[in-house]
PDB file of N, CA and C in Angstrom:
ATOM      1  N   UNK A   1       0.852  -0.962   0.132  1.00  0.00           N
ATOM      2  CA  UNK A   1      -0.299  -0.090  -0.307  1.00  0.00           C
ATOM      3  C   UNK A   1       0.764   1.445   0.322  1.00  0.00           C
ATOM      4  N   UNK A   2       0.424   1.954  -0.660  1.00  0.00           N
ATOM      5  CA  UNK A   2       1.454   3.344  -0.683  1.00  0.00           C
ATOM      6  C   UNK A   2       0.490   4.247  -0.335  1.00  0.00           C
ATOM      7  N   UNK A   3       1.095   5.674  -0.040  1.00  0.00           N
ATOM      8  CA  UNK A   3       0.698   6.921   0.505  1.00  0.00           C
ATOM      9  C   UNK A   3      -0.762   7.978  -0.492  1.00  0.00           C
ATOM     10  N   UNK A   4      -0.866   9.072   0.213  1.00  0.00           N
ATOM     11  CA  UNK A   4      -1.750   9.721  -0.850  1.00  0.00           C
ATOM     12  C   UNK A   4      -1.637   9.805  -2.305  1.00  0.00           C
ATOM     13  N   UNK A   5      -2.642   9.303  -3.371  1.00  0.00           N
ATOM     14  CA  UNK A   5      -2.566   8.965  -4.448  1.00  0.00           C
ATOM     15  C   UNK A   5      -3.054  10.539  -5.362  1.00  0.00           C
ATOM     16  N   UNK A   6      -3.427  11.121  -4.378  1.00  0.00           N
ATOM     17  CA  UNK A   6      -4.051  11.924  -4.932  1.00  0.00           C
ATOM     18  C   UNK A   6      -5.472  12.362  -5.303  1.00  0.00           C
ATOM     19  N   UNK A   7      -6.146  11.257  -6.037  1.00  0.00           N
ATOM     20  CA  UNK A   7      -7.730  11.294  -6.430  1.00  0.00           C
ATOM     21  C   UNK A   7      -8.626  10.909  -5.139  1.00  0.00           C
ATOM     22  N   UNK A   8      -8.565  10.004  -3.704  1.00  0.00           N
ATOM     23  CA  UNK A   8      -9.421   9.802  -3.140  1.00  0.00           C
ATOM     24  C   UNK A   8      -9.449   8.583  -3.639  1.00  0.00           C
ATOM     25  N   UNK A   9      -8.762   7.234  -4.621  1.00  0.00           N
ATOM     26  CA  UNK A   9      -9.604   6.236  -4.706  1.00  0.00           C
ATOM     27  C   UNK A   9      -9.249   5.036  -3.477  1.00  0.00           C
ATOM     28  N   UNK A  10      -9.396   3.379  -3.691  1.00  0.00           N
ATOM     29  CA  UNK A  10      -9.711   3.393  -2.708  1.00  0.00           C
ATOM     30  C   UNK A  10      -8.627   2.954  -1.787  1.00  0.00           C
ATOM     31  N   UNK A  11      -7.302   2.597  -2.294  1.00  0.00           N
ATOM     32  CA  UNK A  11      -5.732   2.705  -1.775  1.00  0.00           C
ATOM     33  C   UNK A  11      -6.135   4.136  -0.889  1.00  0.00           C
ATOM     34  N   UNK A  12      -6.122   5.126  -1.220  1.00  0.00           N
ATOM     35  CA  UNK A  12      -5.867   6.164  -0.152  1.00  0.00           C
ATOM     36  C   UNK A  12      -7.147   6.196   1.020  1.00  0.00           C
ATOM     37  N   UNK A  13      -7.874   5.675   0.966  1.00  0.00           N
ATOM     38  CA  UNK A  13      -9.451   5.672   1.653  1.00  0.00           C
ATOM     39  C   UNK A  13      -7.827   4.402   2.977  1.00  0.00           C
ATOM     40  N   UNK A  14      -7.873   3.263   2.229  1.00  0.00           N
ATOM     41  CA  UNK A  14      -7.162   2.451   3.064  1.00  0.00           C
ATOM     42  C   UNK A  14      -5.870   3.189   4.168  1.00  0.00           C
ATOM     43  N   UNK A  15      -5.040   4.288   3.481  1.00  0.00           N
ATOM     44  CA  UNK A  15      -3.909   4.246   3.860  1.00  0.00           C
ATOM     45  C   UNK A  15      -4.571   5.794   5.163  1.00  0.00           C
ATOM     46  N   UNK A  16      -5.317   6.199   4.664  1.00  0.00           N
ATOM     47  CA  UNK A  16      -6.173   7.292   5.612  1.00  0.00           C
ATOM     48  C   UNK A  16      -7.149   6.301   6.514  1.00  0.00           C
ATOM     49  N   UNK A  17      -7.340   5.289   6.849  1.00  0.00           N
ATOM     50  CA  UNK A  17      -7.626   5.207   8.221  1.00  0.00           C
ATOM     51  C   UNK A  17      -9.072   4.797   7.822  1.00  0.00           C
ATOM     52  N   UNK A  18      -9.920   5.513   6.828  1.00  0.00           N
ATOM     53  CA  UNK A  18     -11.121   5.297   6.373  1.00  0.00           C
ATOM     54  C   UNK A  18     -12.052   4.448   6.444  1.00  0.00           C
ATOM     55  N   UNK A  19     -10.871   3.147   5.946  1.00  0.00           N
ATOM     56  CA  UNK A  19     -11.457   1.761   5.808  1.00  0.00           C
ATOM     57  C   UNK A  19     -10.823   0.439   5.728  1.00  0.00           C
ATOM     58  N   UNK A  20     -10.657  -0.237   6.195  1.00  0.00           N
ATOM     59  CA  UNK A  20      -9.798  -1.095   6.329  1.00  0.00           C
ATOM     60  C   UNK A  20     -10.008  -2.379   5.781  1.00  0.00           C
ATOM     61  N   UNK A  21      -8.465  -3.161   5.685  1.00  0.00           N
ATOM     62  CA  UNK A  21      -8.715  -4.647   4.512  1.00  0.00           C
ATOM     63  C   UNK A  21      -9.690  -5.547   4.969  1.00  0.00           C
ATOM     64  N   UNK A  22     -10.431  -5.818   4.135  1.00  0.00           N
ATOM     65  CA  UNK A  22     -11.555  -7.076   4.658  1.00  0.00           C
ATOM     66  C   UNK A  22     -12.829  -6.127   4.835  1.00  0.00           C
ATOM     67  N   UNK A  23     -12.857  -4.914   5.022  1.00  0.00           N
ATOM     68  CA  UNK A  23     -14.228  -4.186   5.416  1.00  0.00           C
ATOM     69  C   UNK A  23     -15.333  -4.599   4.661  1.00  0.00           C
ATOM     70  N   UNK A  24     -16.234  -4.994   4.490  1.00  0.00           N
ATOM     71  CA  UNK A  24     -17.305  -5.522   3.823  1.00  0.00           C
ATOM     72  C   UNK A  24     -18.365  -4.205   3.288  1.00  0.00           C
ATOM     73  N   UNK A  25     -18.697  -3.962   1.719  1.00  0.00           N
ATOM     74  CA  UNK A  25     -19.438  -3.329   1.580  1.00  0.00           C
ATOM     75  C   UNK A  25     -20.725  -4.295   0.932  1.00  0.00           C
ATOM     76  N   UNK A  26     -21.894  -3.629   0.763  1.00  0.00           N
ATOM     77  CA  UNK A  26     -23.251  -4.063   0.409  1.00  0.00           C
ATOM     78  C   UNK A  26     -23.837  -3.128  -0.598  1.00  0.00           C
ATOM     79  N   UNK A  27     -24.235  -3.617  -2.087  1.00  0.00           N
ATOM     80  CA  UNK A  27     -24.987  -3.037  -2.720  1.00  0.00           C
ATOM     81  C   UNK A  27     -26.344  -3.873  -2.789  1.00  0.00           C
ATOM     82  N   UNK A  28     -27.161  -3.160  -2.572  1.00  0.00           N
ATOM     83  CA  UNK A  28     -28.430  -4.156  -2.548  1.00  0.00           C
ATOM     84  C   UNK A  28     -29.379  -3.269  -3.418  1.00  0.00           C
ATOM     85  N   UNK A  29     -29.187  -4.274  -4.742  1.00  0.00           N
ATOM     86  CA  UNK A  29     -29.840  -4.309  -6.358  1.00  0.00           C
ATOM     87  C   UNK A  29     -31.154  -3.676  -6.079  1.00  0.00           C
ATOM     88  N   UNK A  30     -31.617  -2.915  -6.358  1.00  0.00           N
ATOM     89  CA  UNK A  30     -33.404  -2.148  -6.675  1.00  0.00           C
ATOM     90  C   UNK A  30     -33.605  -2.843  -7.926  1.00  0.00           C
ATOM     91  N   UNK A  31     -34.504  -2.815  -7.706  1.00  0.00           N
ATOM     92  CA  UNK A  31     -35.680  -3.882  -8.482  1.00  0.00           C
ATOM     93  C   UNK A  31     -35.707  -4.575  -8.828  1.00  0.00           C
ATOM     94  N   UNK A  32     -34.516  -5.901  -7.937  1.00  0.00           N
ATOM     95  CA  UNK A  32     -33.974  -7.147  -8.535  1.00  0.00           C
ATOM     96  C   UNK A  32     -33.982  -7.923  -7.044  1.00  0.00           C
ATOM     97  N   UNK A  33     -34.501  -7.372  -5.689  1.00  0.00           N
ATOM     98  CA  UNK A  33     -34.401  -8.106  -4.410  1.00  0.00           C
ATOM     99  C   UNK A  33     -32.731  -8.515  -4.357  1.00  0.00           C
ATOM    100  N   UNK A  34     -31.578  -8.493  -4.720  1.00  0.00           N
ATOM    101  CA  UNK A  34     -30.097  -8.903  -4.709  1.00  0.00           C
ATOM    102  C   UNK A  34     -30.177  -8.276  -3.706  1.00  0.00           C
ATOM    103  N   UNK A  35     -28.789  -9.196  -2.820  1.00  0.00           N
ATOM    104  CA  UNK A  35     -27.490  -8.052  -2.035  1.00  0.00           C
ATOM    105  C   UNK A  35     -26.593  -8.337  -2.745  1.00  0.00           C
ATOM    106  N   UNK A  36     -25.524  -7.548  -3.162  1.00  0.00           N
ATOM    107  CA  UNK A  36     -23.916  -8.274  -3.801  1.00  0.00           C
ATOM    108  C   UNK A  36     -22.946  -7.732  -2.496  1.00  0.00           C
ATOM    109  N   UNK A  37     -21.474  -8.337  -2.044  1.00  0.00           N
ATOM    110  CA  UNK A  37     -20.877  -8.162  -1.218  1.00  0.00           C
ATOM    111  C   UNK A  37     -19.928  -7.647  -1.783  1.00  0.00           C
ATOM    112  N   UNK A  38     -19.135  -6.997  -1.327  1.00  0.00           N
ATOM    113  CA  UNK A  38     -17.548  -6.601  -2.025  1.00  0.00           C
ATOM    114  C   UNK A  38     -16.660  -6.150  -0.767  1.00  0.00           C
ATOM    115  N   UNK A  39     -15.401  -6.529  -0.472  1.00  0.00           N
ATOM    116  CA  UNK A  39     -14.560  -6.705   0.765  1.00  0.00           C
ATOM    117  C   UNK A  39     -13.093  -5.743  -0.119  1.00  0.00           C
ATOM    118  N   UNK A  40     -13.040  -4.982   0.939  1.00  0.00           N
ATOM    119  CA  UNK A  40     -11.238  -4.257   0.532  1.00  0.00           C
ATOM    120  C   UNK A  40     -10.445  -4.507   0.681  1.00  0.00           C
ATOM    121  N   UNK A  41      -9.478  -5.100  -0.123  1.00  0.00           N
ATOM    122  CA  UNK A  41      -8.386  -5.614  -0.677  1.00  0.00           C
ATOM    123  C   UNK A  41      -7.334  -4.685  -0.122  1.00  0.00           C
ATOM    124  N   UNK A  42      -6.131  -4.794   0.553  1.00  0.00           N
ATOM    125  CA  UNK A  42      -5.138  -4.588   1.367  1.00  0.00           C
ATOM    126  C   UNK A  42      -4.318  -3.537   0.373  1.00  0.00           C
ATOM    127  N   UNK A  43      -4.559  -4.032  -1.296  1.00  0.00           N
ATOM    128  CA  UNK A  43      -3.984  -2.958  -2.289  1.00  0.00           C
ATOM    129  C   UNK A  43      -4.980  -2.293  -2.701  1.00  0.00           C
ATOM    130  N   UNK A  44      -6.368  -1.876  -2.356  1.00  0.00           N
ATOM    131  CA  UNK A  44      -6.898  -1.232  -2.632  1.00  0.00           C
ATOM    132  C   UNK A  44      -8.060  -1.281  -3.231  1.00  0.00           C
ATOM    133  N   UNK A  45      -8.128  -2.589  -3.923  1.00  0.00           N
ATOM    134  CA  UNK A  45      -9.107  -3.403  -4.637  1.00  0.00           C
ATOM    135  C   UNK A  45     -10.084  -3.803  -3.775  1.00  0.00           C
ATOM    136  N   UNK A  46     -11.447  -4.249  -4.343  1.00  0.00           N
ATOM    137  CA  UNK A  46     -12.487  -4.676  -4.377  1.00  0.00           C
ATOM    138  C   UNK A  46     -12.733  -6.178  -4.719  1.00  0.00           C
ATOM    139  N   UNK A  47     -12.879  -7.156  -3.770  1.00  0.00           N
ATOM    140  CA  UNK A  47     -13.200  -8.850  -3.653  1.00  0.00           C
ATOM    141  C   UNK A  47     -14.445  -8.781  -4.165  1.00  0.00           C
ATOM    142  N   UNK A  48     -15.506  -9.188  -4.823  1.00  0.00           N
ATOM    143  CA  UNK A  48     -16.217  -9.438  -5.328  1.00  0.00           C
ATOM    144  C   UNK A  48     -16.668 -11.065  -4.210  1.00  0.00           C
ATOM    145  N   UNK A  49     -18.060 -10.945  -3.604  1.00  0.00           N
ATOM    146  CA  UNK A  49     -18.052 -12.715  -3.404  1.00  0.00           C
ATOM    147  C   UNK A  49     -17.706 -14.031  -4.249  1.00  0.00           C
ATOM    148  N   UNK A  50     -17.943 -13.671  -5.595  1.00  0.00           N
ATOM    149  CA  UNK A  50     -18.058 -14.467  -6.738  1.00  0.00           C
ATOM    150  C   UNK A  50     -15.969 -14.779  -7.055  1.00  0.00           C
ATOM    151  N   UNK A  51     -15.382 -14.153  -6.066  1.00  0.00           N
ATOM    152  CA  UNK A  51     -13.936 -13.913  -6.367  1.00  0.00           C
ATOM    153  C   UNK A  51     -14.040 -12.971  -7.351  1.00  0.00           C
ATOM    154  N   UNK A  52     -14.107 -12.258  -8.311  1.00  0.00           N
ATOM    155  CA  UNK A  52     -13.773 -11.095  -9.642  1.00  0.00           C
ATOM    156  C   UNK A  52     -13.305 -10.212  -8.422  1.00  0.00           C
ATOM    157  N   UNK A  53     -12.565  -9.538  -8.772  1.00  0.00           N
ATOM    158  CA  UNK A  53     -11.440  -8.063  -8.012  1.00  0.00           C
ATOM    159  C   UNK A  53     -11.566  -6.920  -9.235  1.00  0.00           C
ATOM    160  N   UNK A  54     -12.228  -6.185  -8.719  1.00  0.00           N
ATOM    161  CA  UNK A  54     -11.894  -4.424  -9.699  1.00  0.00           C
ATOM    162  C   UNK A  54     -11.162  -3.805  -8.847  1.00  0.00           C
ATOM    163  N   UNK A  55     -10.492  -2.941  -9.832  1.00  0.00           N
ATOM    164  CA  UNK A  55     -10.204  -1.714  -9.278  1.00  0.00           C
ATOM    165  C   UNK A  55     -10.609  -0.460  -8.366  1.00  0.00           C
ATOM    166  N   UNK A  56     -11.716  -0.321  -9.012  1.00  0.00           N
ATOM    167  CA  UNK A  56     -12.616   0.799  -8.510  1.00  0.00           C
ATOM    168  C   UNK A  56     -14.309   0.620  -8.487  1.00  0.00           C
ATOM    169  N   UNK A  57     -15.232   0.992  -7.865  1.00  0.00           N
ATOM    170  CA  UNK A  57     -16.120   0.461  -6.800  1.00  0.00           C
ATOM    171  C   UNK A  57     -16.645   0.495  -8.740  1.00  0.00           C
ATOM    172  N   UNK A  58     -16.823   1.684  -9.319  1.00  0.00           N
ATOM    173  CA  UNK A  58     -18.121   1.537 -10.706  1.00  0.00           C
ATOM    174  C   UNK A  58     -18.078   0.394 -11.414  1.00  0.00           C
ATOM    175  N   UNK A  59     -16.277   0.005 -11.344  1.00  0.00           N
ATOM    176  CA  UNK A  59     -16.374  -1.339 -12.332  1.00  0.00           C
ATOM    177  C   UNK A  59     -16.922  -2.628 -11.781  1.00  0.00           C
ATOM    178  N   UNK A  60     -16.832  -2.792 -10.080  1.00  0.00           N
ATOM    179  CA  UNK A  60     -17.396  -3.617  -9.543  1.00  0.00           C
ATOM    180  C   UNK A  60     -18.690  -4.220  -9.707  1.00  0.00           C
ATOM    181  N   UNK A  61     -19.950  -2.376  -9.868  1.00  0.00           N
ATOM    182  CA  UNK A  61     -21.097  -2.762 -10.224  1.00  0.00           C
ATOM    183  C   UNK A  61     -21.663  -2.994 -11.656  1.00  0.00           C
ATOM    184  N   UNK A  62     -20.607  -2.549 -12.549  1.00  0.00           N
ATOM    185  CA  UNK A  62     -21.011  -3.007 -13.529  1.00  0.00           C
ATOM    186  C   UNK A  62     -20.748  -3.960 -14.470  1.00  0.00           C
ATOM    187  N   UNK A  63     -20.089  -4.894 -13.495  1.00  0.00           N
ATOM    188  CA  UNK A  63     -19.719  -6.153 -13.364  1.00  0.00           C
ATOM    189  C   UNK A  63     -21.429  -6.832 -13.301  1.00  0.00           C
ATOM    190  N   UNK A  64     -21.306  -6.656 -11.922  1.00  0.00           N
ATOM    191  CA  UNK A  64     -22.876  -7.040 -11.655  1.00  0.00           C
ATOM    192  C   UNK A  64     -24.163  -6.542 -12.160  1.00  0.00           C
ATOM    193  N   UNK A  65     -23.952  -5.410 -13.436  1.00  0.00           N
ATOM    194  CA  UNK A  65     -25.226  -5.398 -14.120  1.00  0.00           C
ATOM    195  C   UNK A  65     -26.025  -4.094 -13.705  1.00  0.00           C
ATOM    196  N   UNK A  66     -24.857  -3.540 -13.042  1.00  0.00           N
ATOM    197  CA  UNK A  66     -25.507  -2.203 -12.921  1.00  0.00           C
ATOM    198  C   UNK A  66     -25.181  -1.123 -13.351  1.00  0.00           C
ATOM    199  N   UNK A  67     -25.936  -0.634 -14.758  1.00  0.00           N
ATOM    200  CA  UNK A  67     -25.574   0.284 -15.578  1.00  0.00           C
ATOM    201  C   UNK A  67     -25.661   1.440 -15.741  1.00  0.00           C
ATOM    202  N   UNK A  68     -24.512   2.315 -15.750  1.00  0.00           N
ATOM    203  CA  UNK A  68     -24.973   3.856 -15.420  1.00  0.00           C
ATOM    204  C   UNK A  68     -24.860   3.946 -14.335  1.00  0.00           C
ATOM    205  N   UNK A  69     -24.520   2.998 -12.981  1.00  0.00           N
ATOM    206  CA  UNK A  69     -24.382   3.861 -11.796  1.00  0.00           C
ATOM    207  C   UNK A  69     -22.840   4.030 -10.992  1.00  0.00           C
ATOM    208  N   UNK A  70     -22.775   5.439 -10.405  1.00  0.00           N
ATOM    209  CA  UNK A  70     -21.893   5.116  -9.577  1.00  0.00           C
ATOM    210  C   UNK A  70     -21.561   4.221  -8.250  1.00  0.00           C
ATOM    211  N   UNK A  71     -20.426   3.372  -8.532  1.00  0.00           N
ATOM    212  CA  UNK A  71     -20.414   2.780  -7.595  1.00  0.00           C
ATOM    213  C   UNK A  71     -19.453   3.038  -5.896  1.00  0.00           C
ATOM    214  N   UNK A  72     -18.859   4.221  -6.229  1.00  0.00           N
ATOM    215  CA  UNK A  72     -18.977   5.424  -5.128  1.00  0.00           C
ATOM    216  C   UNK A  72     -20.015   5.489  -4.404  1.00  0.00           C
ATOM    217  N   UNK A  73     -21.221   5.941  -5.061  1.00  0.00           N
ATOM    218  CA  UNK A  73     -21.943   6.092  -4.304  1.00  0.00           C
ATOM    219  C   UNK A  73     -23.180   5.376  -3.738  1.00  0.00           C
ATOM    220  N   UNK A  74     -22.803   3.634  -4.485  1.00  0.00           N
ATOM    221  CA  UNK A  74     -23.612   2.489  -4.399  1.00  0.00           C
ATOM    222  C   UNK A  74     -22.859   1.844  -3.275  1.00  0.00           C
ATOM    223  N   UNK A  75     -22.099   1.194  -3.213  1.00  0.00           N
ATOM    224  CA  UNK A  75     -21.253   0.584  -2.331  1.00  0.00           C
ATOM    225  C   UNK A  75     -21.621   0.865  -0.381  1.00  0.00           C
ATOM    226  N   UNK A  76     -22.291   0.735   0.068  1.00  0.00           N
ATOM    227  CA  UNK A  76     -22.569   1.144   1.001  1.00  0.00           C
ATOM    228  C   UNK A  76     -21.929   0.100   2.769  1.00  0.00           C
ATOM    229  N   UNK A  77     -21.493   0.214   3.476  1.00  0.00           N
ATOM    230  CA  UNK A  77     -20.307  -0.145   4.192  1.00  0.00           C
ATOM    231  C   UNK A  77     -21.211  -0.571   5.436  1.00  0.00           C
ATOM    232  N   UNK A  78     -20.781  -2.584   5.814  1.00  0.00           N
ATOM    233  CA  UNK A  78     -21.613  -3.139   6.235  1.00  0.00           C
ATOM    234  C   UNK A  78     -21.625  -2.432   8.067  1.00  0.00           C
ATOM    235  N   UNK A  79     -20.353  -2.323   8.549  1.00  0.00           N
ATOM    236  CA  UNK A  79     -20.913  -1.697   9.927  1.00  0.00           C
ATOM    237  C   UNK A  79     -21.964  -0.662   9.786  1.00  0.00           C
ATOM    238  N   UNK A  80     -22.030   0.891   8.956  1.00  0.00           N
ATOM    239  CA  UNK A  80     -22.180   1.755   9.691  1.00  0.00           C
ATOM    240  C   UNK A  80     -23.228   2.347   8.298  1.00  0.00           C
ATOM    241  N   UNK A  81     -23.223   2.143   6.939  1.00  0.00           N
ATOM    242  CA  UNK A  81     -24.038   2.517   5.693  1.00  0.00           C
ATOM    243  C   UNK A  81     -23.248   3.810   5.089  1.00  0.00           C
ATOM    244  N   UNK A  82     -22.303   3.937   5.697  1.00  0.00           N
ATOM    245  CA  UNK A  82     -21.651   5.011   5.184  1.00  0.00           C
ATOM    246  C   UNK A  82     -21.461   4.439   3.614  1.00  0.00           C
ATOM    247  N   UNK A  83     -21.387   5.094   2.693  1.00  0.00           N
ATOM    248  CA  UNK A  83     -21.310   4.543   0.702  1.00  0.00           C
ATOM    249  C   UNK A  83     -19.595   5.388   1.016  1.00  0.00           C
ATOM    250  N   UNK A  84     -18.956   4.676   0.059  1.00  0.00           N
ATOM    251  CA  UNK A  84     -17.636   4.589  -0.395  1.00  0.00           C
ATOM    252  C   UNK A  84     -17.846   6.352  -0.414  1.00  0.00           C
ATOM    253  N   UNK A  85     -18.605   7.089  -1.467  1.00  0.00           N
ATOM    254  CA  UNK A  85     -18.590   8.619  -1.623  1.00  0.00           C
ATOM    255  C   UNK A  85     -17.942   8.973  -0.653  1.00  0.00           C
ATOM    256  N   UNK A  86     -19.009   8.750  -0.094  1.00  0.00           N
ATOM    257  CA  UNK A  86     -18.946  10.153   1.874  1.00  0.00           C
ATOM    258  C   UNK A  86     -17.448   9.701   2.583  1.00  0.00           C
ATOM    259  N   UNK A  87     -16.914   8.494   2.065  1.00  0.00           N
ATOM    260  CA  UNK A  87     -15.469   8.594   2.908  1.00  0.00           C
ATOM    261  C   UNK A  87     -14.365   9.144   1.750  1.00  0.00           C
ATOM    262  N   UNK A  88     -14.601   9.392   0.509  1.00  0.00           N
ATOM    263  CA  UNK A  88     -13.740   9.744  -0.401  1.00  0.00           C
ATOM    264  C   UNK A  88     -13.390  11.180  -0.063  1.00  0.00           C
ATOM    265  N   UNK A  89     -15.503  11.933   0.405  1.00  0.00           N
ATOM    266  CA  UNK A  89     -15.118  13.645   0.201  1.00  0.00           C
ATOM    267  C   UNK A  89     -15.007  14.049   1.529  1.00  0.00           C
ATOM    268  N   UNK A  90     -15.077  12.562   2.826  1.00  0.00           N
ATOM    269  CA  UNK A  90     -14.044  13.241   3.585  1.00  0.00           C
ATOM    270  C   UNK A  90     -12.760  13.221   3.868  1.00  0.00           C
ATOM    271  N   UNK A  91     -12.254  12.323   3.196  1.00  0.00           N
ATOM    272  CA  UNK A  91     -10.603  12.679   2.141  1.00  0.00           C
ATOM    273  C   UNK A  91     -10.871  13.689   2.238  1.00  0.00           C
ATOM    274  N   UNK A  92     -10.916  13.586   0.669  1.00  0.00           N
ATOM    275  CA  UNK A  92     -10.586  14.875   0.114  1.00  0.00           C
ATOM    276  C   UNK A  92     -10.814  16.080   0.567  1.00  0.00           C
ATOM    277  N   UNK A  93     -11.774  16.446   1.702  1.00  0.00           N
ATOM    278  CA  UNK A  93     -12.314  17.689   2.563  1.00  0.00           C
ATOM    279  C   UNK A  93     -10.880  18.163   3.349  1.00  0.00           C
ATOM    280  N   UNK A  94     -10.456  16.566   3.777  1.00  0.00           N
ATOM    281  CA  UNK A  94      -9.398  16.806   4.371  1.00  0.00           C
ATOM    282  C   UNK A  94      -7.635  17.590   4.462  1.00  0.00           C
ATOM    283  N   UNK A  95      -7.607  17.254   2.627  1.00  0.00           N
ATOM    284  CA  UNK A  95      -6.878  17.612   2.180  1.00  0.00           C
ATOM    285  C   UNK A  95      -7.073  18.859   1.430  1.00  0.00           C
ATOM    286  N   UNK A  96      -8.416  19.425   1.560  1.00  0.00           N
ATOM    287  CA  UNK A  96      -8.773  20.751   0.734  1.00  0.00           C
ATOM    288  C   UNK A  96      -8.797  20.589  -0.454  1.00  0.00           C
ATOM    289  N   UNK A  97      -9.304  19.564  -1.154  1.00  0.00           N
ATOM    290  CA  UNK A  97     -10.068  19.546  -2.583  1.00  0.00           C
ATOM    291  C   UNK A  97     -11.261  18.886  -2.521  1.00  0.00           C
ATOM    292  N   UNK A  98     -11.608  19.704  -3.905  1.00  0.00           N
ATOM    293  CA  UNK A  98     -13.376  19.506  -4.070  1.00  0.00           C
ATOM    294  C   UNK A  98     -13.800  18.188  -4.110  1.00  0.00           C
ATOM    295  N   UNK A  99     -15.077  18.028  -3.189  1.00  0.00           N
ATOM    296  CA  UNK A  99     -15.345  16.994  -2.628  1.00  0.00           C
ATOM    297  C   UNK A  99     -15.507  15.858  -4.058  1.00  0.00           C
ATOM    298  N   UNK A 100     -15.864  16.112  -4.659  1.00  0.00           N
ATOM    299  CA  UNK A 100     -15.723  15.244  -6.245  1.00  0.00           C
ATOM    300  C   UNK A 100     -14.679  15.607  -6.926  1.00  0.00           C
ATOM    301  N   UNK A 101     -13.766  14.577  -7.453  1.00  0.00           N
ATOM    302  CA  UNK A 101     -12.754  14.431  -7.823  1.00  0.00           C
ATOM    303  C   UNK A 101     -13.253  15.063  -9.444  1.00  0.00           C
ATOM    304  N   UNK A 102     -12.623  15.744 -10.070  1.00  0.00           N
ATOM    305  CA  UNK A 102     -13.049  16.846 -11.442  1.00  0.00           C
ATOM    306  C   UNK A 102     -13.847  17.738 -11.240  1.00  0.00           C
ATOM    307  N   UNK A 103     -13.755  18.438 -10.417  1.00  0.00           N
ATOM    308  CA  UNK A 103     -14.750  19.168 -10.068  1.00  0.00           C
ATOM    309  C   UNK A 103     -13.971  20.521  -9.167  1.00  0.00           C
ATOM    310  N   UNK A 104     -14.055  21.888  -9.822  1.00  0.00           N
ATOM    311  CA  UNK A 104     -13.296  22.979  -8.433  1.00  0.00           C
ATOM    312  C   UNK A 104     -14.280  23.838  -8.341  1.00  0.00           C
TER     313      UNK A 104
END
């Protein structure tokens, strides 16, 4: 694991202590009655329950059939219901950056 990468990615959340390896995140898929789970890995990737690994939350959601859905808003931490995007916003605020990457 490396230090602050500057964009508030998953590895940055780990480095900042806002999440930890093995922590579970959930996506309750609307209209389908399906609950998907993913765990943050030490390298900042997401491991889905079926063993597939993704570098970013939106890629994981897309792989599960969620089209045009932000994984940052969709994945919720099992322990407290906070979205990955909320954690990223907190991290970016700590660094004096805009809450959403790419926005000034």
